[in-house]
Protein backbone atom coordinates (compact mmCIF):
# COMPACT_ATOMS: atom_id res chain seq x y z
CA MET A 1 88.67 51.31 -22.46
CA ASN A 2 85.72 53.53 -23.53
CA SER A 3 85.03 54.75 -27.07
CA ARG A 4 86.40 58.22 -26.39
CA SER A 5 89.76 56.96 -25.17
CA LEU A 6 89.89 54.50 -28.07
CA PHE A 7 89.20 57.31 -30.49
CA LEU A 8 91.82 59.64 -28.99
CA ALA A 9 94.37 56.90 -29.04
CA GLY A 10 93.47 56.15 -32.64
CA VAL A 11 93.93 59.77 -33.60
CA PHE A 12 97.30 59.79 -31.82
CA PHE A 13 98.58 56.83 -33.81
CA ALA A 14 97.02 58.17 -37.03
CA GLY A 15 98.51 61.60 -36.48
CA ARG A 16 101.94 60.14 -35.74
CA SER A 17 101.80 58.09 -38.97
CA PHE A 18 100.49 60.80 -41.27
CA ILE A 19 102.67 63.59 -39.90
CA ALA A 20 105.65 61.41 -40.67
CA THR A 21 104.60 61.27 -44.32
CA GLY A 22 104.28 65.06 -44.55
CA GLN A 23 100.92 64.84 -46.36
CA ASP A 24 98.28 67.56 -46.31
CA THR A 25 95.95 67.01 -43.35
CA LEU A 26 92.60 68.34 -42.16
CA LYS A 27 90.98 67.83 -38.78
CA LEU A 28 87.25 68.43 -38.71
CA THR A 29 84.19 67.74 -36.60
CA LEU A 30 81.04 66.12 -37.92
CA SER A 31 79.26 69.50 -37.97
CA GLU A 32 82.07 70.94 -40.09
CA ALA A 33 81.87 67.91 -42.39
CA TRP A 34 78.13 68.50 -42.78
CA ARG A 35 78.69 72.15 -43.66
CA LYS A 36 81.34 71.34 -46.27
CA ALA A 37 79.24 68.52 -47.76
CA GLU A 38 76.21 70.80 -48.07
CA GLU A 39 78.28 73.50 -49.76
CA HIS A 40 79.77 71.02 -52.23
CA SER A 41 76.67 68.93 -52.99
CA ARG A 42 75.33 69.47 -56.50
CA ILE A 43 72.07 67.70 -55.63
CA ILE A 44 71.37 70.26 -52.90
CA GLU A 45 72.22 73.10 -55.29
CA ILE A 46 69.87 71.69 -57.94
CA ASN A 47 67.02 71.44 -55.43
CA ARG A 48 67.80 74.92 -54.13
CA LYS A 49 67.51 76.30 -57.66
CA ALA A 50 64.21 74.44 -58.08
CA THR A 51 62.91 76.15 -54.93
CA GLU A 52 63.97 79.55 -56.26
CA ILE A 53 62.25 78.84 -59.57
CA ALA A 54 59.03 77.91 -57.71
CA ALA A 55 59.24 81.19 -55.76
CA GLU A 56 59.56 83.13 -59.03
CA GLU A 57 56.53 81.30 -60.40
CA ILE A 58 54.50 82.58 -57.44
CA ARG A 59 55.64 86.15 -58.13
CA ASP A 60 54.81 85.71 -61.82
CA THR A 61 51.28 84.55 -60.99
CA ARG A 62 50.76 87.62 -58.79
CA THR A 63 51.61 89.90 -61.69
CA GLU A 64 48.91 88.24 -63.79
CA ARG A 65 46.36 90.05 -61.63
CA LEU A 66 47.49 93.30 -63.23
CA PRO A 67 45.78 94.44 -66.45
CA GLU A 68 47.24 93.54 -69.81
CA ILE A 69 48.37 96.76 -71.49
CA GLY A 70 49.72 97.15 -75.01
CA ILE A 71 50.64 99.89 -77.43
CA SER A 72 50.68 99.74 -81.19
CA GLY A 73 51.42 101.94 -84.15
CA SER A 74 51.39 101.73 -87.92
CA ALA A 75 52.28 103.77 -91.01
CA GLU A 76 50.76 102.63 -94.30
CA LYS A 77 50.72 103.59 -97.96
CA ALA A 78 47.57 103.06 -99.99
CA SER A 79 47.16 103.06 -103.78
CA ASN A 80 44.35 104.68 -105.71
CA ILE A 81 41.19 102.68 -106.07
CA PRO A 82 40.61 101.52 -109.67
CA ILE A 83 36.95 101.78 -110.74
CA TYR A 84 35.91 99.39 -113.52
CA GLU A 85 32.96 101.32 -114.93
CA ASN A 86 32.79 99.26 -118.17
CA GLY A 87 33.63 95.82 -116.77
CA LEU A 88 36.70 94.04 -115.49
CA PHE A 89 38.34 93.93 -118.93
CA SER A 90 38.02 97.64 -119.62
CA LYS A 91 40.44 100.32 -118.59
CA PRO A 92 39.49 101.55 -115.11
CA SER A 93 39.41 105.09 -113.93
CA GLN A 94 41.43 105.93 -110.83
CA HIS A 95 39.69 107.15 -107.75
CA GLU A 96 41.99 109.32 -105.72
CA VAL A 97 42.39 108.44 -102.03
CA ILE A 98 44.54 109.69 -99.16
CA HIS A 99 47.68 107.65 -99.70
CA THR A 100 49.44 107.93 -96.31
CA LEU A 101 47.77 106.50 -93.18
CA TYR A 102 49.01 106.71 -89.61
CA LYS A 103 47.71 105.13 -86.43
CA ALA A 104 49.02 104.96 -82.84
CA GLY A 105 47.11 103.65 -79.86
CA ALA A 106 46.94 101.70 -76.63
CA ASP A 107 44.69 98.94 -75.34
CA PHE A 108 44.14 97.09 -72.06
CA TYR A 109 42.28 94.13 -70.65
CA LEU A 110 41.57 93.56 -66.96
CA ASN A 111 40.46 90.08 -65.95
CA LEU A 112 37.58 90.31 -63.51
CA TYR A 113 36.61 86.66 -63.34
CA ASN A 114 37.90 83.57 -65.11
CA GLY A 115 36.35 80.68 -63.24
CA ASN A 116 38.70 81.31 -60.27
CA LYS A 117 41.54 79.89 -62.41
CA LEU A 118 44.04 82.55 -61.38
CA ASN A 119 43.52 81.88 -57.67
CA LEU A 120 43.84 78.15 -58.31
CA LYS A 121 47.05 78.73 -60.26
CA MET A 122 48.43 80.75 -57.34
CA GLU A 123 47.47 77.95 -54.95
CA GLU A 124 49.12 75.41 -57.25
CA ASN A 125 52.36 77.41 -57.43
CA LYS A 126 52.47 77.81 -53.66
CA THR A 127 52.04 74.05 -53.27
CA LEU A 128 54.83 73.44 -55.79
CA HIS A 129 57.04 75.83 -53.83
CA GLN A 130 56.35 73.92 -50.63
CA LEU A 131 57.09 70.68 -52.46
CA SER A 132 60.42 72.05 -53.73
CA THR A 133 61.31 73.22 -50.22
CA ILE A 134 60.60 69.77 -48.78
CA ARG A 135 62.74 68.12 -51.46
CA GLU A 136 65.55 70.58 -50.81
CA ASN A 137 65.45 69.79 -47.08
CA GLU A 138 65.29 66.08 -47.89
CA SER A 139 68.45 66.34 -49.99
CA VAL A 140 70.21 68.15 -47.13
CA SER A 141 69.18 65.41 -44.71
CA ALA A 142 70.29 62.69 -47.14
CA ILE A 143 73.72 64.26 -47.68
CA ARG A 144 74.08 64.69 -43.91
CA TYR A 145 73.35 61.03 -43.26
CA LYS A 146 75.70 59.91 -46.04
CA THR A 147 78.43 62.18 -44.66
CA ALA A 148 77.85 60.88 -41.13
CA SER A 149 78.11 57.27 -42.33
CA LEU A 150 81.42 57.91 -44.12
CA TYR A 151 82.69 59.94 -41.17
CA LEU A 152 81.88 57.12 -38.75
CA ASP A 153 83.48 54.56 -41.07
CA LEU A 154 86.69 56.58 -41.00
CA GLN A 155 86.47 56.96 -37.23
CA LYS A 156 85.99 53.19 -36.84
CA ALA A 157 89.00 52.50 -39.07
CA PHE A 158 91.16 54.75 -36.86
CA ILE A 159 89.95 52.93 -33.75
CA PHE A 160 90.64 49.54 -35.35
CA ARG A 161 94.14 50.64 -36.25
CA ASN A 162 94.78 51.73 -32.68
CA LEU A 163 93.54 48.39 -31.37
CA ILE A 164 95.57 46.28 -33.78
CA THR A 165 98.67 48.43 -33.26
CA ALA A 166 98.44 48.05 -29.49
CA ASP A 167 97.79 44.32 -29.89
CA ILE A 168 100.81 43.89 -32.17
CA ALA A 169 102.97 45.61 -29.57
CA ASP A 170 101.65 43.22 -26.87
CA GLN A 171 102.20 40.21 -29.13
CA GLU A 172 105.77 41.25 -29.89
CA LYS A 173 106.44 41.57 -26.19
CA GLN A 174 104.88 38.17 -25.58
CA LEU A 175 106.95 36.67 -28.42
CA LYS A 176 110.14 37.82 -26.70
CA GLU A 177 109.04 36.04 -23.51
CA ILE A 178 108.23 32.83 -25.42
CA LYS A 179 111.61 32.94 -27.21
CA ALA A 180 113.31 33.31 -23.85
CA PHE A 181 111.40 30.26 -22.58
CA HIS A 182 112.43 28.38 -25.72
CA ARG A 183 116.09 29.16 -25.15
CA ASN A 184 115.69 27.77 -21.64
CA GLY A 185 114.06 24.64 -23.06
CA ILE A 186 110.70 25.27 -21.43
CA VAL A 187 108.61 25.53 -24.63
CA LEU A 188 108.94 23.99 -28.06
CA LYS A 189 110.16 25.68 -31.22
CA SER A 190 106.72 25.12 -32.72
CA ASP A 191 105.28 27.48 -30.11
CA VAL A 192 107.62 30.23 -31.30
CA LEU A 193 106.68 29.57 -34.91
CA ARG A 194 102.96 29.64 -34.12
CA VAL A 195 103.24 32.98 -32.36
CA GLU A 196 105.34 34.43 -35.19
CA LEU A 197 102.77 33.22 -37.74
CA ASP A 198 99.94 34.74 -35.73
CA LEU A 199 101.88 38.00 -35.39
CA SER A 200 102.40 38.06 -39.16
CA LYS A 201 98.63 37.75 -39.68
CA ARG A 202 98.04 40.67 -37.32
CA LYS A 203 100.49 42.82 -39.27
CA MET A 204 98.66 41.92 -42.47
CA THR A 205 95.42 42.95 -40.78
CA LEU A 206 97.06 46.28 -39.95
CA VAL A 207 97.91 46.76 -43.65
CA SER A 208 94.29 46.06 -44.54
CA ILE A 209 93.07 48.56 -41.95
CA GLU A 210 95.51 51.19 -43.27
CA ASN A 211 93.99 50.68 -46.71
CA ASP A 212 90.50 50.95 -45.20
CA ILE A 213 91.51 54.34 -43.80
CA LEU A 214 92.74 55.53 -47.20
CA ILE A 215 89.59 54.28 -48.95
CA ALA A 216 87.27 55.82 -46.35
CA THR A 217 89.26 59.06 -46.52
CA GLN A 218 88.91 59.31 -50.28
CA LYS A 219 85.15 58.66 -50.12
CA LEU A 220 84.73 61.36 -47.51
CA ASN A 221 86.99 63.77 -49.41
CA ILE A 222 84.87 63.36 -52.53
CA ILE A 223 81.65 64.24 -50.75
CA LEU A 224 83.36 67.17 -48.99
CA GLY A 225 84.93 68.50 -52.18
CA GLU A 226 88.48 68.00 -50.89
CA PRO A 227 91.43 66.57 -52.86
CA ASP A 228 91.53 62.76 -52.86
CA ASP A 229 94.87 62.63 -51.04
CA ARG A 230 93.85 65.04 -48.26
CA ILE A 231 94.31 63.22 -44.92
CA LEU A 232 91.30 63.69 -42.65
CA PHE A 233 91.28 63.48 -38.86
CA PRO A 234 87.73 62.94 -37.60
CA ALA A 235 87.39 64.84 -34.35
CA GLY A 236 84.49 62.64 -33.30
CA PRO A 237 80.77 63.39 -33.47
CA GLU A 238 79.79 66.37 -31.34
CA THR A 239 76.89 64.38 -29.93
CA GLY A 240 76.67 60.66 -29.44
CA PRO A 241 73.52 58.58 -29.70
CA GLY A 242 70.62 60.31 -28.03
CA SER A 243 68.29 58.89 -25.45
CA SER A 244 66.07 56.13 -26.73
CA GLY A 245 62.48 57.33 -26.44
CA ALA A 246 59.35 55.34 -27.17
CA TYR A 247 58.45 54.21 -30.67
CA GLU A 248 55.26 56.27 -30.55
CA GLU A 249 57.31 59.43 -29.98
CA TYR A 250 59.50 58.77 -33.02
CA LEU A 251 56.43 57.94 -35.12
CA ALA A 252 54.74 61.20 -34.11
CA ILE A 253 57.91 63.10 -35.06
CA ALA A 254 58.07 61.28 -38.39
CA LEU A 255 54.45 62.08 -39.28
CA GLU A 256 55.21 65.73 -38.54
CA HIS A 257 58.61 65.99 -40.27
CA SER A 258 59.12 62.95 -42.55
CA PHE A 259 60.07 64.11 -46.05
CA PRO A 260 58.42 61.28 -48.07
CA TYR A 261 55.22 61.68 -46.03
CA HIS A 262 54.97 65.43 -46.67
CA ILE A 263 55.99 65.07 -50.33
CA SER A 264 53.11 62.62 -50.78
CA GLU A 265 50.85 65.01 -48.90
CA GLN A 266 51.70 67.89 -51.24
CA GLN A 267 51.25 65.72 -54.31
CA THR A 268 47.77 64.82 -53.08
CA ARG A 269 47.11 68.53 -52.61
CA LEU A 270 48.19 69.17 -56.21
CA SER A 271 45.68 66.58 -57.43
CA GLU A 272 42.92 68.33 -55.47
CA ILE A 273 43.85 71.65 -57.08
CA HIS A 274 43.98 70.05 -60.52
CA LEU A 275 40.44 68.71 -60.06
CA LYS A 276 39.25 72.23 -59.17
CA GLN A 277 41.04 73.62 -62.23
CA VAL A 278 39.32 71.13 -64.53
CA LYS A 279 35.92 71.95 -63.03
CA ALA A 280 36.66 75.65 -63.56
CA ASN A 281 36.59 75.07 -67.33
CA VAL A 282 32.77 75.17 -67.19
CA ARG A 283 32.56 78.69 -65.81
CA PRO A 284 32.00 82.11 -67.41
CA LYS A 285 34.75 84.59 -68.12
CA ALA A 286 34.35 88.33 -67.63
CA GLY A 287 36.69 91.27 -68.00
CA MET A 288 37.02 94.97 -68.66
CA TYR A 289 38.64 96.17 -71.85
CA GLY A 290 39.59 99.49 -73.37
CA ASP A 291 41.06 100.83 -76.62
CA PHE A 292 42.29 104.34 -77.40
CA TYR A 293 44.08 105.55 -80.51
CA TYR A 294 45.07 108.50 -82.71
CA ALA A 295 44.77 108.08 -86.46
CA ASN A 296 45.22 110.01 -89.66
CA PRO A 297 43.32 110.32 -92.01
CA GLN A 298 39.84 110.34 -90.60
CA ILE A 299 38.05 107.47 -92.31
CA PHE A 300 35.97 106.43 -89.32
CA LEU A 301 32.98 108.64 -90.31
CA TYR A 302 31.88 109.93 -93.67
CA PRO A 303 32.85 112.30 -95.18
CA TYR A 304 36.54 111.43 -94.84
CA ASN A 305 39.21 114.06 -94.34
CA PRO A 306 43.03 114.13 -94.03
CA TYR A 307 43.11 115.21 -90.40
CA TRP A 308 44.14 113.57 -87.14
CA TYR A 309 41.39 112.24 -84.92
CA SER A 310 41.23 110.16 -81.72
CA LEU A 311 38.84 107.53 -80.46
CA GLY A 312 38.48 105.78 -77.11
CA VAL A 313 36.37 102.73 -76.34
CA THR A 314 35.90 100.97 -73.01
CA GLY A 315 33.48 98.34 -71.82
CA LEU A 316 32.78 94.96 -70.26
CA LYS A 317 32.67 91.64 -72.02
CA ALA A 318 31.73 88.18 -70.88
CA SER A 319 31.76 84.73 -72.43
CA PHE A 320 30.70 81.22 -71.55
CA PRO A 321 32.27 78.08 -73.09
CA ILE A 322 29.15 76.05 -73.88
CA SER A 323 31.14 73.24 -75.51
CA SER A 324 32.90 72.62 -72.17
CA LEU A 325 29.65 71.22 -70.82
CA TYR A 326 30.31 68.04 -72.81
CA HIS A 327 34.04 68.35 -73.53
CA ASN A 328 34.86 68.54 -69.81
CA ILE A 329 33.00 65.44 -68.58
CA HIS A 330 35.80 62.92 -69.00
CA LYS A 331 38.45 65.42 -67.92
CA VAL A 332 36.68 65.75 -64.57
CA ARG A 333 36.39 61.96 -64.19
CA ALA A 334 40.10 61.53 -64.97
CA ALA A 335 41.01 64.23 -62.44
CA LYS A 336 38.87 62.56 -59.77
CA LEU A 337 40.55 59.21 -60.42
CA GLU A 338 43.96 60.89 -60.23
CA LEU A 339 43.03 62.36 -56.85
CA GLU A 340 41.84 58.98 -55.58
CA LYS A 341 45.11 57.43 -56.77
CA GLU A 342 47.18 60.05 -54.93
CA GLU A 343 45.13 59.55 -51.77
CA GLU A 344 45.87 55.84 -51.87
CA ALA A 345 49.55 56.57 -52.58
CA HIS A 346 49.61 58.89 -49.56
CA LYS A 347 48.19 56.16 -47.34
CA ASP A 348 50.78 53.75 -48.74
CA THR A 349 53.54 56.25 -47.97
CA GLU A 350 52.25 56.57 -44.41
CA ASP A 351 52.42 52.78 -44.05
CA LYS A 352 56.00 52.77 -45.35
CA VAL A 353 57.00 55.56 -42.98
CA ARG A 354 55.58 53.65 -40.03
CA GLN A 355 57.45 50.53 -41.11
CA GLN A 356 60.74 52.40 -41.64
CA VAL A 357 60.49 54.16 -38.29
CA LYS A 358 59.71 50.86 -36.54
CA GLU A 359 62.65 49.09 -38.19
CA ALA A 360 65.09 51.94 -37.56
CA PHE A 361 63.92 52.25 -33.95
CA LEU A 362 64.33 48.52 -33.24
CA ARG A 363 67.74 48.42 -34.93
CA TYR A 364 68.85 51.40 -32.87
CA LYS A 365 67.66 49.75 -29.64
CA GLU A 366 69.41 46.56 -30.76
CA ALA A 367 72.65 48.51 -31.31
CA ILE A 368 72.42 50.00 -27.81
CA ILE A 369 71.97 46.53 -26.32
CA GLN A 370 74.88 45.25 -28.41
CA ILE A 371 77.17 47.82 -26.78
CA GLY A 372 76.39 46.43 -23.35
CA VAL A 373 76.88 42.85 -24.51
CA SER A 374 80.17 43.75 -26.19
CA GLU A 375 81.46 45.47 -23.05
CA VAL A 376 80.77 42.31 -21.04
CA ASN A 377 82.43 40.20 -23.76
CA VAL A 378 85.56 42.35 -23.67
CA ALA A 379 85.85 42.02 -19.92
CA GLN A 380 85.33 38.24 -20.07
CA ALA A 381 87.80 37.82 -22.95
CA GLN A 382 90.45 39.85 -21.11
CA GLU A 383 90.00 37.82 -17.94
CA ASN A 384 90.11 34.59 -19.94
CA ALA A 385 93.30 35.72 -21.68
CA ARG A 386 94.87 36.58 -18.33
CA ILE A 387 94.09 33.10 -16.97
CA ILE A 388 95.30 31.30 -20.11
CA ARG A 389 98.48 33.34 -20.19
CA HIS A 390 99.21 32.46 -16.58
CA THR A 391 98.55 28.74 -17.13
CA TYR A 392 100.57 28.67 -20.37
CA PHE A 393 103.71 30.05 -18.83
CA ASN A 394 103.16 27.53 -16.01
CA GLN A 395 102.99 24.83 -18.69
CA ALA A 396 99.35 24.04 -17.96
CA SER A 397 97.95 25.24 -21.33
CA LEU A 398 98.81 24.85 -24.98
CA ILE A 399 100.03 27.62 -27.28
CA THR A 400 96.81 27.27 -29.28
CA ASP A 401 94.83 28.13 -26.15
CA LEU A 402 96.97 31.24 -25.62
CA LEU A 403 96.63 32.40 -29.22
CA ASP A 404 92.87 31.78 -29.26
CA ALA A 405 92.49 33.77 -26.04
CA ASP A 406 94.47 36.70 -27.49
CA ILE A 407 92.43 36.63 -30.68
CA GLN A 408 89.21 36.65 -28.66
CA VAL A 409 90.35 39.76 -26.82
CA LEU A 410 91.10 41.56 -30.09
CA GLN A 411 87.89 40.35 -31.68
CA THR A 412 85.72 41.49 -28.79
CA GLN A 413 87.43 44.88 -28.79
CA PHE A 414 86.69 45.20 -32.50
CA GLU A 415 83.08 44.21 -31.85
CA LEU A 416 82.74 46.80 -29.07
CA ALA A 417 84.13 49.57 -31.27
CA SER A 418 81.88 48.46 -34.14
CA ALA A 419 78.84 48.37 -31.83
CA LYS A 420 79.44 51.93 -30.66
CA ILE A 421 79.91 53.22 -34.20
CA ALA A 422 76.87 51.25 -35.38
CA ALA A 423 74.75 52.76 -32.61
CA GLN A 424 75.72 56.23 -33.74
CA ASN A 425 74.98 55.33 -37.34
CA LYS A 426 71.55 53.91 -36.44
CA PHE A 427 70.81 57.04 -34.42
CA TYR A 428 71.52 59.30 -37.42
CA LEU A 429 69.51 56.98 -39.67
CA LEU A 430 66.55 57.23 -37.29
CA GLN A 431 66.86 61.02 -37.35
CA HIS A 432 67.02 61.00 -41.14
CA ILE A 433 63.91 58.82 -41.44
CA THR A 434 61.97 60.98 -38.97
CA GLY A 435 63.07 64.11 -40.85
CA VAL A 436 64.98 65.89 -38.08
CA LEU A 437 68.62 65.26 -39.07
């Protein structure tokens, strides 16, 4: 029996059981489960917001290229000016002034050069945006792999329940035959008791599997945002394990798409930009400025008068931070060390990616081989059970031999189903590690 037929049979038995209870049910494919998990995931939403924030930071940096413009205005009251002609302790005379003063104006400053800091800030923000995008994609891949693992666990539980249900039916049929032999005096009462005991254990296993289904269902419901008691029918992955290419192919894909590798790469890039920003502290600053205003009274030139006047000033100004020549020395050294640290961390990340890809690749290949071995084991166990059954009812074998043979058949069927599910799981893990899930 192949995995597809096992799965369909499992769904049939599951559907028959759950429909009888009248509970709310949902049948979904793995792609649909991925979509629902992505929509419900708060981690993905947090990373998506972080990406949007980084995009706004880029737009904000662009606007800094525009001139700074401001307007101002004031209305003031001034007192007379006391004149102490005979000393501070004598009564002063009052010098009359214009008491009401008004002023309204505008000013601007256009940065022409600031040690290339604005361009470096733009480059930094773009790198941070790329970093946020990578982390967002990484969270999507992680939630997809987690969803796939839970989905496959539920699928495996359905298959196990189908296998144990079919086995219980066979054992009940066999028990009737043994009881008939006992009534005819062919077998002992102990044989009947042994079979009944073994059948009881199988029914207990079925209870455990039913609980596994409920537990796996709740876990999957939580990640999908569904009610805990919603009954899920996994429709089976749309694609099974892919073809097993060479390790070098997977490694090349990982170095192109791996999330940890590219996160480390962007962090190294940020350290490079930071070093340039620190070096930019020892550079001149130049800009264009302007100031224009209306004022009343006219006290800019003597003689003063109570009339409105206007004045506009524009020009260039430049400055150089001389103290940065010695204040910046250790900042540059620290930035260089930070860059060297990130470069080493990037190399370490590359080593880890190679190791993870190698391990996931070998485990996936191992899972594929295990399927073939399990298929052979099932065939051998079934043939062995057929022979033992024949010899038992011909009184050439013991009941323990018959029960052991039946258990081996069930065990190998479980192992085959587990191997096929494990191969799918390892395939999705390999995709997640290489960054293409």
